[in-house]
C-alpha cells in the first residue's frame, strides 16, 4: 500500500513545478526521506484514529 504512491509523490513534485512555472524541483535524498516520513506519519494518524473510534464505539455499545 505504501510502496506504490511514495515514488509517485516525488516524481509528481517535479511535474507540478514544471506546469505551474515555479523554480525547478530537484529532490535530494533528505527531502525524499522527509516526504516519505510525513506520509507515513499521516497514514499512522489516520489508522490510529480509526482504531480508537472503533474501540470507543464498541465500549459505548457494551455499557448501554
C-alpha atoms as a PDB file:
ATOM      1  CA  UNK A   1       0.000   0.000   0.000  1.00  0.00           C
ATOM      2  CA  UNK A   2       2.749   2.476   0.873  1.00  0.00           C
ATOM      3  CA  UNK A   3       5.287   1.368  -1.713  1.00  0.00           C
ATOM      4  CA  UNK A   4       3.302   2.374  -4.781  1.00  0.00           C
ATOM      5  CA  UNK A   5       2.344   6.022  -4.051  1.00  0.00           C
ATOM      6  CA  UNK A   6       5.611   7.197  -2.494  1.00  0.00           C
ATOM      7  CA  UNK A   7       7.743   7.355  -5.663  1.00  0.00           C
ATOM      8  CA  UNK A   8       4.823   8.983  -7.451  1.00  0.00           C
ATOM      9  CA  UNK A   9       4.823  11.755  -4.851  1.00  0.00           C
ATOM     10  CA  UNK A  10       8.444  12.550  -5.644  1.00  0.00           C
ATOM     11  CA  UNK A  11       8.012  12.467  -9.419  1.00  0.00           C
ATOM     12  CA  UNK A  12       4.752  14.418  -9.137  1.00  0.00           C
ATOM     13  CA  UNK A  13       6.579  17.295  -7.459  1.00  0.00           C
ATOM     14  CA  UNK A  14       8.776  17.859 -10.471  1.00  0.00           C
ATOM     15  CA  UNK A  15       5.835  17.627 -12.893  1.00  0.00           C
ATOM     16  CA  UNK A  16       3.847  20.086 -10.822  1.00  0.00           C
ATOM     17  CA  UNK A  17       6.686  22.599 -10.703  1.00  0.00           C
ATOM     18  CA  UNK A  18       7.075  22.408 -14.492  1.00  0.00           C
ATOM     19  CA  UNK A  19       3.374  23.046 -15.119  1.00  0.00           C
ATOM     20  CA  UNK A  20       2.984  25.907 -12.678  1.00  0.00           C
ATOM     21  CA  UNK A  21       6.255  27.546 -13.665  1.00  0.00           C
ATOM     22  CA  UNK A  22       7.906  27.557 -10.265  1.00  0.00           C
ATOM     23  CA  UNK A  23      11.574  27.001  -9.641  1.00  0.00           C
ATOM     24  CA  UNK A  24      12.640  23.570 -10.839  1.00  0.00           C
ATOM     25  CA  UNK A  25      12.117  20.916  -8.195  1.00  0.00           C
ATOM     26  CA  UNK A  26      15.120  18.673  -7.737  1.00  0.00           C
ATOM     27  CA  UNK A  27      14.535  16.274  -4.860  1.00  0.00           C
ATOM     28  CA  UNK A  28      17.519  15.435  -2.737  1.00  0.00           C
ATOM     29  CA  UNK A  29      17.647  12.341  -0.578  1.00  0.00           C
ATOM     30  CA  UNK A  30      16.839  14.223   2.618  1.00  0.00           C
ATOM     31  CA  UNK A  31      13.756  15.845   1.093  1.00  0.00           C
ATOM     32  CA  UNK A  32      12.561  12.489  -0.238  1.00  0.00           C
ATOM     33  CA  UNK A  33      13.109  10.827   3.128  1.00  0.00           C
ATOM     34  CA  UNK A  34      11.221  13.601   4.930  1.00  0.00           C
ATOM     35  CA  UNK A  35       8.388  13.392   2.426  1.00  0.00           C
ATOM     36  CA  UNK A  36       8.111   9.636   2.944  1.00  0.00           C
ATOM     37  CA  UNK A  37       8.225  10.120   6.723  1.00  0.00           C
ATOM     38  CA  UNK A  38       5.422  12.699   6.654  1.00  0.00           C
ATOM     39  CA  UNK A  39       3.270  10.394   4.506  1.00  0.00           C
ATOM     40  CA  UNK A  40       3.937   7.504   6.890  1.00  0.00           C
ATOM     41  CA  UNK A  41       3.065   9.614   9.936  1.00  0.00           C
ATOM     42  CA  UNK A  42      -0.113  10.839   8.277  1.00  0.00           C
ATOM     43  CA  UNK A  43      -1.179   7.294   7.497  1.00  0.00           C
ATOM     44  CA  UNK A  44      -0.434   6.171  11.042  1.00  0.00           C
ATOM     45  CA  UNK A  45      -2.535   9.004  12.456  1.00  0.00           C
ATOM     46  CA  UNK A  46      -5.497   8.135  10.223  1.00  0.00           C
ATOM     47  CA  UNK A  47      -5.351   4.434  11.099  1.00  0.00           C
ATOM     48  CA  UNK A  48      -4.876   5.164  14.818  1.00  0.00           C
ATOM     49  CA  UNK A  49      -7.906   7.451  14.908  1.00  0.00           C
ATOM     50  CA  UNK A  50      -9.943   4.796  13.116  1.00  0.00           C
ATOM     51  CA  UNK A  51      -8.943   2.123  15.635  1.00  0.00           C
ATOM     52  CA  UNK A  52      -9.698   4.426  18.571  1.00  0.00           C
ATOM     53  CA  UNK A  53     -13.109   5.280  17.118  1.00  0.00           C
ATOM     54  CA  UNK A  54     -13.944   1.588  16.715  1.00  0.00           C
ATOM     55  CA  UNK A  55     -12.925   0.859  20.304  1.00  0.00           C
ATOM     56  CA  UNK A  56     -14.945   3.761  21.674  1.00  0.00           C
ATOM     57  CA  UNK A  57     -17.964   2.667  19.654  1.00  0.00           C
ATOM     58  CA  UNK A  58     -17.703  -0.908  20.904  1.00  0.00           C
ATOM     59  CA  UNK A  59     -17.217   0.249  24.517  1.00  0.00           C
ATOM     60  CA  UNK A  60     -20.261   2.510  24.370  1.00  0.00           C
ATOM     61  CA  UNK A  61     -22.424  -0.284  22.931  1.00  0.00           C
ATOM     62  CA  UNK A  62     -21.287  -2.677  25.668  1.00  0.00           C
ATOM     63  CA  UNK A  63     -22.009  -0.227  28.509  1.00  0.00           C
ATOM     64  CA  UNK A  64     -25.505   0.646  27.199  1.00  0.00           C
END
